[in-house]
């Protein structure tokens, strides 16, 4: 599949979800539980800079901000125009929140800016995960950490799910195993710290610059 076609498929999917993603349906419950799990693992301090890749409507950044009473800088990128529009509306009164339409492989932000980067439930959509991780490396400060949450293909059940989703969801690329995450993260120049399980199928993979 051509990269331009893949981008359009993902834009269309998330544009469609944007209208209901902040509602109270199963998607909201599932995604917020995942994001809450990631936030609970983070070492969050005042005056840190945070980036959410695939930020949706900015919910996870809002949770981080609550912990430090808004004393930090919060950036989100997303492919979806409608997600970015909703995020900007949700945080329109907060000057330290910035939302940008961008893909994960080429983010228009300066080097060495972030103390922490999160990426929840979007990594399996990346056509070039190696490029996305190198971009995370570029954007992190020395000592900064990435937190990538995704269903992780360490068990046959998830491997079967991966094949089924790929058949019916053409915007999907791949669910990776822990071994594959370790290689991708270390190949990008980061140190693989650990992974933590969240729920039945999700793992958070943590790397450090």
N, C-alpha and C. Protein backbone atom coordinates (compact mmCIF):
# COMPACT_ATOMS: atom_id res chain seq x y z
N UNK A 1 0.84 -1.20 0.00
CA UNK A 1 0.00 0.00 0.00
C UNK A 1 0.87 1.25 0.00
N UNK A 2 0.52 2.20 -0.84
CA UNK A 2 1.25 3.46 -0.87
C UNK A 2 1.05 4.23 0.44
N UNK A 3 2.08 4.97 0.81
CA UNK A 3 2.01 5.70 2.08
C UNK A 3 0.88 6.72 2.09
N UNK A 4 0.67 7.40 0.97
CA UNK A 4 -0.40 8.41 0.89
C UNK A 4 -1.77 7.78 1.09
N UNK A 5 -1.95 6.58 0.53
CA UNK A 5 -3.22 5.87 0.69
C UNK A 5 -3.42 5.44 2.14
N UNK A 6 -2.34 4.97 2.75
CA UNK A 6 -2.40 4.54 4.15
C UNK A 6 -2.76 5.70 5.07
N UNK A 7 -2.17 6.86 4.82
CA UNK A 7 -2.47 8.06 5.61
C UNK A 7 -3.95 8.42 5.48
N UNK A 8 -4.48 8.38 4.28
CA UNK A 8 -5.88 8.73 4.06
C UNK A 8 -6.82 7.77 4.79
N UNK A 9 -6.49 6.49 4.81
CA UNK A 9 -7.31 5.51 5.52
C UNK A 9 -7.35 5.81 7.02
N UNK A 10 -6.20 6.15 7.58
CA UNK A 10 -6.14 6.47 9.00
C UNK A 10 -6.83 7.78 9.31
N UNK A 11 -6.66 8.77 8.47
CA UNK A 11 -7.36 10.04 8.67
C UNK A 11 -8.86 9.82 8.69
N UNK A 12 -9.36 9.04 7.74
CA UNK A 12 -10.80 8.80 7.64
C UNK A 12 -11.32 8.07 8.87
N UNK A 13 -10.55 7.08 9.35
CA UNK A 13 -10.99 6.32 10.53
C UNK A 13 -11.12 7.21 11.75
N UNK A 14 -10.09 8.00 12.02
CA UNK A 14 -10.10 8.81 13.24
C UNK A 14 -11.00 10.02 13.12
N UNK A 15 -11.16 10.54 11.91
CA UNK A 15 -12.16 11.60 11.72
C UNK A 15 -13.54 11.09 12.08
N UNK A 16 -13.84 9.86 11.69
CA UNK A 16 -15.15 9.26 11.97
C UNK A 16 -15.35 9.06 13.47
N UNK A 17 -14.29 8.66 14.18
CA UNK A 17 -14.39 8.41 15.61
C UNK A 17 -14.46 9.70 16.43
N UNK A 18 -13.98 10.80 15.87
CA UNK A 18 -13.84 12.04 16.64
C UNK A 18 -15.15 12.52 17.25
N UNK A 19 -16.25 12.32 16.54
CA UNK A 19 -17.54 12.83 17.00
C UNK A 19 -18.01 12.17 18.29
N UNK A 20 -17.60 10.91 18.52
CA UNK A 20 -18.13 10.18 19.67
C UNK A 20 -17.06 9.77 20.69
N UNK A 21 -15.80 10.08 20.42
CA UNK A 21 -14.72 9.56 21.25
C UNK A 21 -14.75 10.09 22.69
N UNK A 22 -15.33 11.25 22.90
CA UNK A 22 -15.45 11.78 24.26
C UNK A 22 -16.78 11.45 24.91
N UNK A 23 -17.52 10.53 24.31
CA UNK A 23 -18.78 10.09 24.88
C UNK A 23 -18.56 9.06 25.97
N UNK A 24 -19.57 8.27 26.25
CA UNK A 24 -19.46 7.30 27.33
C UNK A 24 -19.63 5.86 26.83
N UNK A 25 -19.41 5.62 25.54
CA UNK A 25 -19.53 4.28 24.99
C UNK A 25 -18.32 3.43 25.29
N UNK A 26 -18.29 2.23 24.69
CA UNK A 26 -17.23 1.27 24.97
C UNK A 26 -15.86 1.79 24.54
N UNK A 27 -15.82 2.52 23.42
CA UNK A 27 -14.53 3.07 22.97
C UNK A 27 -13.96 4.01 24.01
N UNK A 28 -14.82 4.86 24.55
CA UNK A 28 -14.37 5.82 25.57
C UNK A 28 -13.81 5.07 26.78
N UNK A 29 -14.56 4.10 27.27
CA UNK A 29 -14.15 3.36 28.47
C UNK A 29 -12.83 2.63 28.22
N UNK A 30 -12.73 1.96 27.09
CA UNK A 30 -11.54 1.18 26.77
C UNK A 30 -10.31 2.07 26.62
N UNK A 31 -10.42 3.11 25.81
CA UNK A 31 -9.28 3.98 25.55
C UNK A 31 -8.85 4.74 26.81
N UNK A 32 -9.81 5.20 27.59
CA UNK A 32 -9.44 5.96 28.79
C UNK A 32 -8.80 5.07 29.86
N UNK A 33 -9.24 3.83 29.94
CA UNK A 33 -8.61 2.89 30.86
C UNK A 33 -7.15 2.66 30.47
N UNK A 34 -6.92 2.51 29.18
CA UNK A 34 -5.55 2.32 28.68
C UNK A 34 -4.69 3.55 28.98
N UNK A 35 -5.21 4.72 28.68
CA UNK A 35 -4.45 5.95 28.89
C UNK A 35 -4.19 6.21 30.37
N UNK A 36 -5.18 5.92 31.19
CA UNK A 36 -4.99 6.08 32.64
C UNK A 36 -3.88 5.17 33.14
N UNK A 37 -3.81 3.95 32.58
CA UNK A 37 -2.76 3.03 32.96
C UNK A 37 -1.38 3.55 32.62
N UNK A 38 -1.25 4.14 31.44
CA UNK A 38 0.03 4.73 31.04
C UNK A 38 0.42 5.87 31.98
N UNK A 39 -0.51 6.77 32.21
CA UNK A 39 -0.24 7.93 33.07
C UNK A 39 0.20 7.48 34.47
N UNK A 40 -0.40 6.40 34.98
CA UNK A 40 -0.06 5.92 36.32
C UNK A 40 1.39 5.42 36.42
N UNK A 41 1.99 5.08 35.30
CA UNK A 41 3.37 4.58 35.30
C UNK A 41 4.41 5.68 35.13
N UNK A 42 3.97 6.88 34.81
CA UNK A 42 4.89 7.95 34.48
C UNK A 42 5.41 8.68 35.72
N UNK A 43 6.64 9.13 35.61
CA UNK A 43 7.24 9.97 36.65
C UNK A 43 6.98 11.43 36.25
N UNK A 44 5.89 11.98 36.78
CA UNK A 44 5.39 13.28 36.34
C UNK A 44 5.76 14.35 37.35
N UNK A 45 6.42 15.38 36.88
CA UNK A 45 6.82 16.50 37.75
C UNK A 45 6.43 17.82 37.10
N UNK A 46 6.33 18.85 37.94
CA UNK A 46 6.01 20.18 37.44
C UNK A 46 7.08 20.67 36.46
N UNK A 47 6.63 21.49 35.52
CA UNK A 47 7.50 22.17 34.54
C UNK A 47 8.17 21.22 33.55
N UNK A 48 7.63 20.03 33.42
CA UNK A 48 8.09 19.12 32.38
C UNK A 48 7.34 19.38 31.07
N UNK A 49 7.93 18.93 29.97
CA UNK A 49 7.31 19.04 28.65
C UNK A 49 6.85 17.66 28.20
N UNK A 50 5.60 17.58 27.78
CA UNK A 50 4.99 16.30 27.42
C UNK A 50 4.48 16.33 25.98
N UNK A 51 4.60 15.19 25.29
CA UNK A 51 4.06 15.02 23.95
C UNK A 51 3.24 13.75 23.89
N UNK A 52 2.05 13.85 23.33
CA UNK A 52 1.21 12.68 23.08
C UNK A 52 1.12 12.50 21.56
N UNK A 53 1.64 11.38 21.07
CA UNK A 53 1.59 11.07 19.63
C UNK A 53 0.37 10.22 19.36
N UNK A 54 -0.53 10.74 18.52
CA UNK A 54 -1.84 10.12 18.35
C UNK A 54 -2.74 10.54 19.49
N UNK A 55 -2.77 11.83 19.74
CA UNK A 55 -3.38 12.38 20.96
C UNK A 55 -4.89 12.36 20.99
N UNK A 56 -5.53 12.16 19.83
CA UNK A 56 -6.99 12.24 19.81
C UNK A 56 -7.47 13.59 20.27
N UNK A 57 -8.37 13.61 21.23
CA UNK A 57 -8.94 14.87 21.72
C UNK A 57 -8.18 15.45 22.91
N UNK A 58 -7.02 14.88 23.22
CA UNK A 58 -6.16 15.45 24.26
C UNK A 58 -6.42 14.98 25.67
N UNK A 59 -7.24 13.94 25.82
CA UNK A 59 -7.66 13.50 27.16
C UNK A 59 -6.48 13.15 28.05
N UNK A 60 -5.53 12.36 27.55
CA UNK A 60 -4.40 11.91 28.38
C UNK A 60 -3.55 13.09 28.84
N UNK A 61 -3.34 14.05 27.96
CA UNK A 61 -2.59 15.25 28.35
C UNK A 61 -3.31 16.00 29.46
N UNK A 62 -4.63 16.03 29.37
CA UNK A 62 -5.41 16.68 30.41
C UNK A 62 -5.25 16.01 31.76
N UNK A 63 -5.15 14.67 31.76
CA UNK A 63 -4.96 13.93 33.01
C UNK A 63 -3.58 14.21 33.60
N UNK A 64 -2.57 14.27 32.74
CA UNK A 64 -1.22 14.59 33.20
C UNK A 64 -1.20 15.99 33.82
N UNK A 65 -1.84 16.93 33.14
CA UNK A 65 -1.87 18.32 33.62
C UNK A 65 -2.52 18.43 34.99
N UNK A 66 -3.56 17.62 35.25
CA UNK A 66 -4.23 17.66 36.55
C UNK A 66 -3.28 17.27 37.69
N UNK A 67 -2.39 16.34 37.41
CA UNK A 67 -1.46 15.86 38.44
C UNK A 67 -0.51 16.97 38.88
N UNK A 68 -0.13 17.84 37.95
CA UNK A 68 0.85 18.90 38.25
C UNK A 68 0.22 20.29 38.18
N UNK A 69 -1.11 20.32 38.34
CA UNK A 69 -1.85 21.60 38.37
C UNK A 69 -1.55 22.47 37.15
N UNK A 70 -1.40 21.83 36.03
CA UNK A 70 -1.19 22.55 34.77
C UNK A 70 0.18 23.17 34.60
N UNK A 71 1.11 22.86 35.52
CA UNK A 71 2.43 23.50 35.49
C UNK A 71 3.39 22.69 34.62
N UNK A 72 3.25 22.89 33.31
CA UNK A 72 4.08 22.20 32.34
C UNK A 72 3.69 22.65 30.95
N UNK A 73 4.27 22.01 29.93
CA UNK A 73 3.90 22.27 28.55
C UNK A 73 3.39 20.97 27.94
N UNK A 74 2.30 21.06 27.21
CA UNK A 74 1.59 19.87 26.75
C UNK A 74 1.34 19.97 25.25
N UNK A 75 1.91 19.03 24.51
CA UNK A 75 1.79 19.02 23.06
C UNK A 75 1.12 17.72 22.61
N UNK A 76 0.27 17.82 21.60
CA UNK A 76 -0.34 16.63 21.03
C UNK A 76 -0.32 16.70 19.52
N UNK A 77 -0.04 15.56 18.88
CA UNK A 77 -0.15 15.50 17.42
C UNK A 77 -1.11 14.37 17.05
N UNK A 78 -1.77 14.54 15.92
CA UNK A 78 -2.69 13.53 15.42
C UNK A 78 -2.87 13.73 13.92
N UNK A 79 -3.13 12.64 13.20
CA UNK A 79 -3.38 12.71 11.76
C UNK A 79 -4.74 13.31 11.43
N UNK A 80 -5.67 13.18 12.37
CA UNK A 80 -7.06 13.55 12.12
C UNK A 80 -7.33 15.03 12.37
N UNK A 81 -7.80 15.71 11.34
CA UNK A 81 -8.20 17.11 11.49
C UNK A 81 -9.26 17.27 12.57
N UNK A 82 -10.22 16.36 12.58
CA UNK A 82 -11.35 16.50 13.51
C UNK A 82 -10.93 16.23 14.95
N UNK A 83 -9.99 15.30 15.14
CA UNK A 83 -9.47 15.08 16.50
C UNK A 83 -8.74 16.32 16.99
N UNK A 84 -7.93 16.89 16.12
CA UNK A 84 -7.18 18.10 16.50
C UNK A 84 -8.14 19.26 16.79
N UNK A 85 -9.17 19.39 16.00
CA UNK A 85 -10.17 20.44 16.24
C UNK A 85 -10.81 20.27 17.61
N UNK A 86 -11.17 19.04 17.97
CA UNK A 86 -11.80 18.79 19.27
C UNK A 86 -10.82 19.03 20.41
N UNK A 87 -9.57 18.64 20.21
CA UNK A 87 -8.56 18.86 21.25
C UNK A 87 -8.37 20.35 21.50
N UNK A 88 -8.29 21.12 20.44
CA UNK A 88 -8.12 22.57 20.58
C UNK A 88 -9.33 23.19 21.29
N UNK A 89 -10.49 22.69 20.98
CA UNK A 89 -11.70 23.20 21.63
C UNK A 89 -11.71 22.82 23.11
N UNK A 90 -11.31 21.59 23.41
CA UNK A 90 -11.30 21.12 24.80
C UNK A 90 -10.36 21.93 25.69
N UNK A 91 -9.27 22.43 25.09
CA UNK A 91 -8.25 23.12 25.88
C UNK A 91 -8.02 24.56 25.39
N UNK A 92 -9.08 25.16 24.89
CA UNK A 92 -8.96 26.50 24.29
C UNK A 92 -8.55 27.57 25.29
N UNK A 93 -8.78 27.35 26.55
CA UNK A 93 -8.43 28.34 27.57
C UNK A 93 -7.08 28.08 28.22
N UNK A 94 -6.32 27.15 27.66
CA UNK A 94 -5.02 26.76 28.24
C UNK A 94 -3.90 27.10 27.26
N UNK A 95 -3.15 28.14 27.56
CA UNK A 95 -2.10 28.59 26.65
C UNK A 95 -0.93 27.62 26.54
N UNK A 96 -0.79 26.73 27.51
CA UNK A 96 0.34 25.80 27.48
C UNK A 96 -0.02 24.45 26.84
N UNK A 97 -1.15 24.38 26.17
CA UNK A 97 -1.54 23.22 25.37
C UNK A 97 -1.43 23.56 23.90
N UNK A 98 -0.78 22.67 23.14
CA UNK A 98 -0.55 22.91 21.72
C UNK A 98 -0.88 21.64 20.95
N UNK A 99 -1.73 21.76 19.95
CA UNK A 99 -2.15 20.60 19.16
C UNK A 99 -1.85 20.85 17.68
N UNK A 100 -1.21 19.85 17.05
CA UNK A 100 -0.71 19.99 15.69
C UNK A 100 -1.14 18.78 14.87
N UNK A 101 -1.64 19.03 13.66
CA UNK A 101 -1.92 17.93 12.73
C UNK A 101 -0.58 17.47 12.14
N UNK A 102 -0.26 16.20 12.36
CA UNK A 102 1.02 15.68 11.89
C UNK A 102 1.00 14.16 11.97
N UNK A 103 1.84 13.52 11.16
CA UNK A 103 2.05 12.09 11.35
C UNK A 103 3.22 11.88 12.30
N UNK A 104 3.43 10.64 12.70
CA UNK A 104 4.43 10.33 13.72
C UNK A 104 5.86 10.31 13.19
N UNK A 105 6.00 10.34 11.86
CA UNK A 105 7.32 10.19 11.26
C UNK A 105 8.02 11.52 10.98
N UNK A 106 7.27 12.60 11.00
CA UNK A 106 7.84 13.91 10.69
C UNK A 106 7.07 14.98 11.46
N UNK A 107 7.49 15.23 12.68
CA UNK A 107 6.76 16.11 13.59
C UNK A 107 7.42 17.49 13.60
N UNK A 108 6.69 18.55 13.27
CA UNK A 108 7.27 19.89 13.16
C UNK A 108 7.50 20.57 14.51
N UNK A 109 8.37 19.97 15.32
CA UNK A 109 8.72 20.48 16.64
C UNK A 109 10.23 20.36 16.80
N UNK A 110 10.84 21.28 17.52
CA UNK A 110 12.30 21.32 17.68
C UNK A 110 12.84 20.11 18.44
N UNK A 111 14.13 19.84 18.21
CA UNK A 111 14.83 18.73 18.85
C UNK A 111 14.90 18.90 20.38
N UNK A 112 15.06 17.77 21.06
CA UNK A 112 15.43 17.75 22.49
C UNK A 112 14.51 18.59 23.38
N UNK A 113 13.22 18.49 23.13
CA UNK A 113 12.27 19.34 23.86
C UNK A 113 11.55 18.61 24.99
N UNK A 114 11.30 17.30 24.84
CA UNK A 114 10.34 16.64 25.73
C UNK A 114 11.00 15.77 26.81
N UNK A 115 10.40 15.85 27.99
CA UNK A 115 10.78 14.97 29.09
C UNK A 115 10.09 13.62 28.99
N UNK A 116 8.91 13.60 28.38
CA UNK A 116 8.16 12.35 28.25
C UNK A 116 7.30 12.39 27.00
N UNK A 117 7.28 11.27 26.29
CA UNK A 117 6.43 11.10 25.11
C UNK A 117 5.57 9.87 25.33
N UNK A 118 4.27 10.01 25.12
CA UNK A 118 3.38 8.87 25.21
C UNK A 118 2.76 8.58 23.85
N UNK A 119 2.41 7.31 23.65
CA UNK A 119 1.78 6.88 22.41
C UNK A 119 0.89 5.70 22.78
N UNK A 120 -0.42 5.89 22.74
CA UNK A 120 -1.34 4.85 23.20
C UNK A 120 -2.26 4.39 22.07
N UNK A 121 -2.21 3.10 21.82
CA UNK A 121 -3.11 2.46 20.85
C UNK A 121 -3.04 3.04 19.44
N UNK A 122 -1.88 3.53 19.05
CA UNK A 122 -1.74 3.99 17.67
C UNK A 122 -0.52 3.42 16.97
N UNK A 123 0.41 2.83 17.73
CA UNK A 123 1.67 2.38 17.14
C UNK A 123 1.46 1.33 16.06
N UNK A 124 0.45 0.49 16.22
CA UNK A 124 0.21 -0.58 15.24
C UNK A 124 -0.32 -0.05 13.90
N UNK A 125 -0.61 1.24 13.85
CA UNK A 125 -1.04 1.85 12.58
C UNK A 125 0.13 2.46 11.79
N UNK A 126 1.31 2.46 12.35
CA UNK A 126 2.44 3.15 11.71
C UNK A 126 3.06 2.30 10.62
N UNK A 127 3.09 2.85 9.42
CA UNK A 127 3.66 2.14 8.28
C UNK A 127 5.17 1.96 8.42
N UNK A 128 5.82 2.94 9.05
CA UNK A 128 7.27 2.91 9.25
C UNK A 128 7.59 3.14 10.72
N UNK A 129 7.42 2.12 11.56
CA UNK A 129 7.62 2.31 13.00
C UNK A 129 9.04 2.72 13.36
N UNK A 130 10.02 2.29 12.58
CA UNK A 130 11.40 2.68 12.84
C UNK A 130 11.59 4.18 12.71
N UNK A 131 10.95 4.78 11.71
CA UNK A 131 11.03 6.23 11.52
C UNK A 131 10.34 6.96 12.66
N UNK A 132 9.20 6.43 13.11
CA UNK A 132 8.46 7.06 14.21
C UNK A 132 9.31 7.06 15.48
N UNK A 133 10.01 5.96 15.74
CA UNK A 133 10.83 5.88 16.95
C UNK A 133 12.07 6.78 16.86
N UNK A 134 12.63 6.91 15.69
CA UNK A 134 13.76 7.82 15.52
C UNK A 134 13.31 9.27 15.72
N UNK A 135 12.07 9.55 15.34
CA UNK A 135 11.52 10.89 15.58
C UNK A 135 11.31 11.12 17.07
N UNK A 136 10.87 10.11 17.78
CA UNK A 136 10.74 10.22 19.24
C UNK A 136 12.11 10.48 19.87
N UNK A 137 13.11 9.76 19.40
CA UNK A 137 14.47 9.96 19.91
C UNK A 137 14.91 11.40 19.70
N UNK A 138 14.67 11.93 18.51
CA UNK A 138 15.06 13.31 18.20
C UNK A 138 14.40 14.31 19.13
N UNK A 139 13.16 14.06 19.46
CA UNK A 139 12.38 15.02 20.23
C UNK A 139 12.63 14.95 21.73
N UNK A 140 13.14 13.83 22.21
CA UNK A 140 13.38 13.67 23.64
C UNK A 140 14.63 14.41 24.11
N UNK A 141 14.54 14.93 25.33
CA UNK A 141 15.73 15.39 26.03
C UNK A 141 16.55 14.18 26.47
N UNK A 142 17.82 14.37 26.75
CA UNK A 142 18.61 13.31 27.35
C UNK A 142 18.00 12.94 28.70
N UNK A 143 17.76 11.66 28.90
CA UNK A 143 17.09 11.21 30.13
C UNK A 143 15.58 11.15 29.99
N UNK A 144 15.05 11.67 28.88
CA UNK A 144 13.61 11.62 28.65
C UNK A 144 13.15 10.21 28.31
N UNK A 145 11.85 9.93 28.52
CA UNK A 145 11.32 8.58 28.33
C UNK A 145 10.15 8.56 27.37
N UNK A 146 10.03 7.42 26.69
CA UNK A 146 8.85 7.15 25.87
C UNK A 146 8.03 6.06 26.55
N UNK A 147 6.71 6.15 26.38
CA UNK A 147 5.78 5.17 26.92
C UNK A 147 4.84 4.77 25.78
N UNK A 148 5.06 3.59 25.23
CA UNK A 148 4.25 3.13 24.11
C UNK A 148 3.34 2.00 24.59
N UNK A 149 2.04 2.24 24.53
CA UNK A 149 1.06 1.22 24.89
C UNK A 149 0.40 0.69 23.63
N UNK A 150 0.38 -0.64 23.51
CA UNK A 150 -0.26 -1.27 22.36
C UNK A 150 -0.57 -2.72 22.73
N UNK A 151 -1.59 -3.31 22.11
CA UNK A 151 -1.73 -4.76 22.26
C UNK A 151 -0.44 -5.42 21.81
N UNK A 152 0.09 -6.34 22.59
CA UNK A 152 1.42 -6.88 22.33
C UNK A 152 1.32 -8.37 22.01
N UNK A 153 1.89 -8.76 20.87
CA UNK A 153 1.68 -10.10 20.32
C UNK A 153 2.64 -11.12 20.91
N UNK A 154 2.52 -11.33 22.23
CA UNK A 154 3.34 -12.34 22.91
C UNK A 154 2.61 -13.67 23.02
N UNK A 155 1.33 -13.68 22.71
CA UNK A 155 0.54 -14.90 22.84
C UNK A 155 -0.20 -15.17 21.54
N UNK A 156 -0.53 -16.43 21.31
CA UNK A 156 -1.17 -16.83 20.06
C UNK A 156 -2.48 -16.08 19.83
N UNK A 157 -3.23 -15.82 20.90
CA UNK A 157 -4.51 -15.12 20.76
C UNK A 157 -4.32 -13.76 20.10
N UNK A 158 -3.31 -13.01 20.54
CA UNK A 158 -3.08 -11.68 19.98
C UNK A 158 -2.55 -11.78 18.56
N UNK A 159 -1.77 -12.82 18.28
CA UNK A 159 -1.26 -13.02 16.92
C UNK A 159 -2.41 -13.29 15.96
N UNK A 160 -3.41 -14.04 16.41
CA UNK A 160 -4.58 -14.31 15.58
C UNK A 160 -5.39 -13.04 15.39
N UNK A 161 -5.57 -12.27 16.47
CA UNK A 161 -6.26 -10.99 16.36
C UNK A 161 -5.56 -10.08 15.35
N UNK A 162 -4.24 -10.06 15.39
CA UNK A 162 -3.47 -9.24 14.47
C UNK A 162 -3.79 -9.60 13.02
N UNK A 163 -3.85 -10.89 12.70
CA UNK A 163 -4.14 -11.33 11.34
C UNK A 163 -5.57 -10.97 10.93
N UNK A 164 -6.51 -11.14 11.86
CA UNK A 164 -7.91 -10.84 11.55
C UNK A 164 -8.13 -9.35 11.32
N UNK A 165 -7.53 -8.53 12.18
CA UNK A 165 -7.68 -7.07 12.04
C UNK A 165 -7.05 -6.60 10.73
N UNK A 166 -5.95 -7.19 10.38
CA UNK A 166 -5.27 -6.80 9.13
C UNK A 166 -6.12 -7.14 7.91
N UNK A 167 -6.90 -8.22 7.99
CA UNK A 167 -7.78 -8.60 6.89
C UNK A 167 -8.90 -7.59 6.68
N UNK A 168 -9.45 -7.08 7.79
CA UNK A 168 -10.65 -6.25 7.70
C UNK A 168 -10.39 -4.76 7.94
N UNK A 169 -9.23 -4.42 8.51
CA UNK A 169 -8.92 -3.02 8.75
C UNK A 169 -7.63 -2.65 8.05
N UNK A 170 -7.75 -2.09 6.87
CA UNK A 170 -6.57 -1.87 6.03
C UNK A 170 -5.67 -0.75 6.54
N UNK A 171 -6.15 0.03 7.51
CA UNK A 171 -5.29 1.04 8.11
C UNK A 171 -4.36 0.43 9.16
N UNK A 172 -4.65 -0.80 9.56
CA UNK A 172 -3.83 -1.53 10.53
C UNK A 172 -2.55 -2.02 9.85
N UNK A 173 -1.42 -1.98 10.57
CA UNK A 173 -0.16 -2.49 10.02
C UNK A 173 0.26 -3.77 10.73
N UNK A 174 0.54 -3.68 12.06
CA UNK A 174 1.03 -4.86 12.76
C UNK A 174 1.01 -4.66 14.27
N UNK A 175 0.69 -5.73 15.00
CA UNK A 175 0.87 -5.78 16.44
C UNK A 175 2.21 -6.47 16.70
N UNK A 176 3.04 -5.85 17.51
CA UNK A 176 4.40 -6.33 17.72
C UNK A 176 4.52 -7.09 19.04
N UNK A 177 5.46 -8.02 19.08
CA UNK A 177 5.77 -8.74 20.31
C UNK A 177 6.70 -7.89 21.17
N UNK A 178 6.87 -8.29 22.42
CA UNK A 178 7.81 -7.59 23.29
C UNK A 178 9.22 -7.64 22.71
N UNK A 179 9.60 -8.78 22.18
CA UNK A 179 10.93 -8.91 21.56
C UNK A 179 11.09 -7.91 20.41
N UNK A 180 10.05 -7.76 19.60
CA UNK A 180 10.11 -6.82 18.48
C UNK A 180 10.15 -5.37 18.97
N UNK A 181 9.39 -5.06 20.01
CA UNK A 181 9.43 -3.71 20.58
C UNK A 181 10.84 -3.40 21.10
N UNK A 182 11.44 -4.35 21.78
CA UNK A 182 12.80 -4.13 22.30
C UNK A 182 13.76 -3.80 21.17
N UNK A 183 13.68 -4.53 20.08
CA UNK A 183 14.58 -4.30 18.96
C UNK A 183 14.31 -2.94 18.30
N UNK A 184 13.04 -2.62 18.06
CA UNK A 184 12.70 -1.35 17.46
C UNK A 184 13.19 -0.18 18.31
N UNK A 185 12.97 -0.28 19.60
CA UNK A 185 13.34 0.82 20.51
C UNK A 185 14.86 0.96 20.60
N UNK A 186 15.57 -0.14 20.74
CA UNK A 186 17.03 -0.05 20.83
C UNK A 186 17.66 0.35 19.50
N UNK A 187 17.09 -0.10 18.39
CA UNK A 187 17.60 0.29 17.07
C UNK A 187 17.48 1.80 16.84
N UNK A 188 16.53 2.42 17.52
CA UNK A 188 16.34 3.88 17.40
C UNK A 188 17.32 4.65 18.27
N UNK A 189 18.14 3.94 19.04
CA UNK A 189 19.13 4.60 19.90
C UNK A 189 18.70 4.78 21.33
N UNK A 190 17.53 4.27 21.67
CA UNK A 190 17.00 4.37 23.03
C UNK A 190 17.34 3.14 23.84
N UNK A 191 17.34 3.27 25.14
CA UNK A 191 17.51 2.14 26.04
C UNK A 191 16.14 1.59 26.40
N UNK A 192 15.95 0.29 26.19
CA UNK A 192 14.68 -0.33 26.57
C UNK A 192 14.71 -0.59 28.08
N UNK A 193 13.82 0.06 28.81
CA UNK A 193 13.81 -0.01 30.27
C UNK A 193 13.04 -1.24 30.76
N UNK A 194 11.78 -1.32 30.36
CA UNK A 194 10.93 -2.42 30.82
C UNK A 194 9.59 -2.34 30.12
N UNK A 195 8.74 -3.33 30.38
CA UNK A 195 7.35 -3.24 29.96
C UNK A 195 6.46 -3.60 31.14
N UNK A 196 5.29 -3.00 31.18
CA UNK A 196 4.31 -3.28 32.22
C UNK A 196 2.99 -3.66 31.56
N UNK A 197 2.37 -4.68 32.10
CA UNK A 197 1.11 -5.15 31.54
C UNK A 197 -0.05 -4.31 32.06
N UNK A 198 -0.95 -3.95 31.16
CA UNK A 198 -2.17 -3.23 31.53
C UNK A 198 -3.35 -3.98 30.93
N UNK A 199 -4.22 -4.49 31.75
CA UNK A 199 -5.35 -5.27 31.25
C UNK A 199 -4.89 -6.63 30.74
N UNK A 200 -5.71 -7.24 29.89
CA UNK A 200 -5.45 -8.60 29.43
C UNK A 200 -4.45 -8.66 28.28
N UNK A 201 -4.42 -7.64 27.43
CA UNK A 201 -3.64 -7.75 26.20
C UNK A 201 -2.68 -6.60 25.96
N UNK A 202 -2.73 -5.56 26.79
CA UNK A 202 -1.93 -4.38 26.55
C UNK A 202 -0.64 -4.40 27.38
N UNK A 203 0.43 -3.91 26.78
CA UNK A 203 1.65 -3.69 27.51
C UNK A 203 2.14 -2.27 27.21
N UNK A 204 2.75 -1.66 28.21
CA UNK A 204 3.41 -0.36 28.03
C UNK A 204 4.91 -0.62 27.93
N UNK A 205 5.49 -0.23 26.82
CA UNK A 205 6.92 -0.42 26.58
C UNK A 205 7.62 0.91 26.83
N UNK A 206 8.59 0.90 27.73
CA UNK A 206 9.22 2.13 28.17
C UNK A 206 10.68 2.17 27.72
N UNK A 207 11.04 3.26 27.06
CA UNK A 207 12.41 3.48 26.61
C UNK A 207 12.93 4.80 27.11
N UNK A 208 14.24 4.93 27.15
CA UNK A 208 14.87 6.16 27.67
C UNK A 208 16.01 6.58 26.77
N UNK A 209 16.15 7.89 26.58
CA UNK A 209 17.24 8.44 25.79
C UNK A 209 18.48 8.65 26.65
